[in-house]
Amino acid sequence: MELITTKVCMMRDIGVHGNLFGGTMLAWLDEAALAYTCQVADSSRMVTRSMSEVVFEKPVKEGRIVKIYGEVIRMGNTSISVSLEARSHNPFTGRQKVVCQTKMVFVQIDEEGEASPLTKKVKEKYKKG
């Protein structure tokens, strides 16, 4: 997996129990994955199609660094599936703990909002095998 983005958990991101609000993490995952798939697809016309179950394994406290990693796991005709992992990073020790993981699917769209094929160049670059 490669590092996609880094965030800092700030006071405004904290929920009522003193941890990073889950909805904020979901938004961070969606934004990171969108930027990543746009880069992979050489296109700014990617949209979120689906997100698999997200289980929050560890809390994230204010001041922690959150690193989001991703990788392409499948390339379709119009879609890109990615695996994501968010990790809480301790800047003092360098240790990271997995906060949550998910898989997401993004689809390339045309001007009308309809699915549009990815280029052959993009599909070949991420072809498995």
Protein backbone atom coordinates (compact mmCIF):
# COMPACT_ATOMS: atom_id res chain seq x y z
CA MET A 1 0.00 0.00 0.00
CA GLU A 2 1.14 3.51 -0.67
CA LEU A 3 0.58 6.61 1.43
CA ILE A 4 -2.26 8.67 -0.07
CA THR A 5 -2.79 11.44 2.46
CA THR A 6 -2.02 12.60 5.97
CA LYS A 7 -4.40 14.39 8.35
CA VAL A 8 -4.11 15.78 11.86
CA CYS A 9 -6.95 15.06 14.28
CA MET A 10 -7.93 18.49 15.59
CA MET A 11 -10.39 19.59 18.26
CA ARG A 12 -13.03 20.33 15.60
CA ASP A 13 -12.82 16.64 14.51
CA ILE A 14 -13.60 15.24 17.97
CA GLY A 15 -16.97 13.66 18.81
CA VAL A 16 -18.80 13.61 22.15
CA HIS A 17 -16.63 10.79 23.55
CA GLY A 18 -13.30 12.54 23.00
CA ASN A 19 -12.31 10.58 19.91
CA LEU A 20 -12.20 11.36 16.20
CA PHE A 21 -15.80 11.49 14.95
CA GLY A 22 -16.51 8.48 12.70
CA GLY A 23 -18.20 10.61 10.05
CA THR A 24 -15.06 12.70 9.74
CA MET A 25 -12.98 9.58 9.19
CA LEU A 26 -15.42 8.41 6.50
CA ALA A 27 -15.12 11.78 4.75
CA TRP A 28 -11.30 11.60 4.95
CA LEU A 29 -11.35 8.09 3.45
CA ASP A 30 -13.68 9.17 0.62
CA GLU A 31 -11.63 12.27 -0.20
CA ALA A 32 -8.32 10.37 -0.12
CA ALA A 33 -9.65 7.55 -2.29
CA LEU A 34 -11.18 10.00 -4.77
CA ALA A 35 -7.88 11.87 -5.19
CA TYR A 36 -6.05 8.55 -5.54
CA THR A 37 -8.41 7.12 -8.18
CA CYS A 38 -8.36 10.39 -10.14
CA GLN A 39 -4.58 10.12 -10.21
CA VAL A 40 -4.70 6.44 -11.22
CA ALA A 41 -7.32 7.07 -13.92
CA ASP A 42 -5.67 10.22 -15.30
CA SER A 43 -9.13 11.76 -14.93
CA SER A 44 -10.93 14.24 -12.70
CA ARG A 45 -14.27 12.58 -13.49
CA MET A 46 -14.28 9.86 -10.84
CA VAL A 47 -17.22 9.47 -8.44
CA THR A 48 -17.81 7.24 -5.43
CA ARG A 49 -19.95 4.21 -6.22
CA SER A 50 -19.64 2.19 -3.01
CA MET A 51 -17.81 1.69 0.25
CA SER A 52 -17.63 -1.64 2.04
CA GLU A 53 -18.12 -2.07 5.77
CA VAL A 54 -15.87 0.08 7.94
CA VAL A 55 -15.08 -1.22 11.42
CA PHE A 56 -13.41 1.29 13.74
CA GLU A 57 -10.74 -0.79 15.50
CA LYS A 58 -8.96 1.91 17.53
CA PRO A 59 -9.87 5.43 18.66
CA VAL A 60 -7.98 8.45 17.39
CA LYS A 61 -7.28 11.17 19.94
CA GLU A 62 -6.82 14.87 19.32
CA GLY A 63 -3.33 15.72 18.07
CA ARG A 64 -2.69 12.34 16.49
CA ILE A 65 -1.60 12.09 12.88
CA VAL A 66 -3.79 9.90 10.67
CA LYS A 67 -2.15 8.38 7.61
CA ILE A 68 -4.35 6.87 4.90
CA TYR A 69 -2.84 4.21 2.65
CA GLY A 70 -4.33 2.68 -0.47
CA GLU A 71 -3.82 0.37 -3.39
CA VAL A 72 -5.69 -0.58 -6.55
CA ILE A 73 -7.20 -4.04 -6.15
CA ARG A 74 -9.30 -4.24 -9.31
CA MET A 75 -9.63 -2.38 -12.58
CA GLY A 76 -12.95 -2.66 -14.41
CA ASN A 77 -14.09 -1.19 -17.71
CA THR A 78 -15.39 1.99 -16.07
CA SER A 79 -14.44 1.46 -12.44
CA ILE A 80 -11.49 1.26 -10.08
CA SER A 81 -11.65 -0.65 -6.80
CA VAL A 82 -9.25 0.31 -4.04
CA SER A 83 -8.34 -1.02 -0.63
CA LEU A 84 -7.80 1.60 2.07
CA GLU A 85 -6.27 1.54 5.52
CA ALA A 86 -6.22 4.41 8.01
CA ARG A 87 -3.50 4.34 10.66
CA SER A 88 -2.97 6.46 13.75
CA HIS A 89 0.65 7.57 13.73
CA ASN A 90 2.55 8.37 16.93
CA PRO A 91 5.06 11.07 15.96
CA PHE A 92 7.20 10.38 19.06
CA THR A 93 7.73 6.64 18.47
CA GLY A 94 6.94 6.32 14.76
CA ARG A 95 4.57 3.45 15.57
CA GLN A 96 1.31 3.15 13.72
CA LYS A 97 -1.93 1.41 14.72
CA VAL A 98 -4.61 0.46 12.21
CA VAL A 99 -7.73 2.50 12.93
CA CYS A 100 -9.96 1.13 10.17
CA GLN A 101 -9.95 -0.54 6.76
CA THR A 102 -12.36 -0.56 3.85
CA LYS A 103 -12.70 -1.13 0.13
CA MET A 104 -14.20 1.44 -2.21
CA VAL A 105 -15.30 1.50 -5.83
CA PHE A 106 -15.11 4.61 -8.01
CA VAL A 107 -16.58 5.04 -11.49
CA GLN A 108 -15.46 7.38 -14.23
CA ILE A 109 -18.32 9.45 -15.63
CA ASP A 110 -18.88 11.56 -18.74
CA GLU A 111 -20.43 15.05 -19.03
CA GLU A 112 -23.92 13.56 -18.59
CA GLY A 113 -22.99 11.67 -15.42
CA GLU A 114 -23.03 8.29 -17.16
CA ALA A 115 -20.32 5.66 -16.70
CA SER A 116 -17.45 6.20 -19.12
CA PRO A 117 -14.72 3.69 -20.05
CA LEU A 118 -11.26 4.07 -18.59
CA THR A 119 -8.49 4.42 -21.14
CA LYS A 120 -6.63 1.36 -22.38
CA LYS A 121 -3.40 2.90 -21.06
CA VAL A 122 -4.82 3.08 -17.51
CA LYS A 123 -6.25 -0.46 -17.63
CA GLU A 124 -2.97 -1.91 -18.91
CA LYS A 125 -0.90 -0.14 -16.24
CA TYR A 126 -2.84 -1.82 -13.42
CA LYS A 127 -3.50 -5.15 -15.10
CA LYS A 128 -2.88 -8.06 -12.69
CA GLY A 129 -0.57 -10.87 -13.71
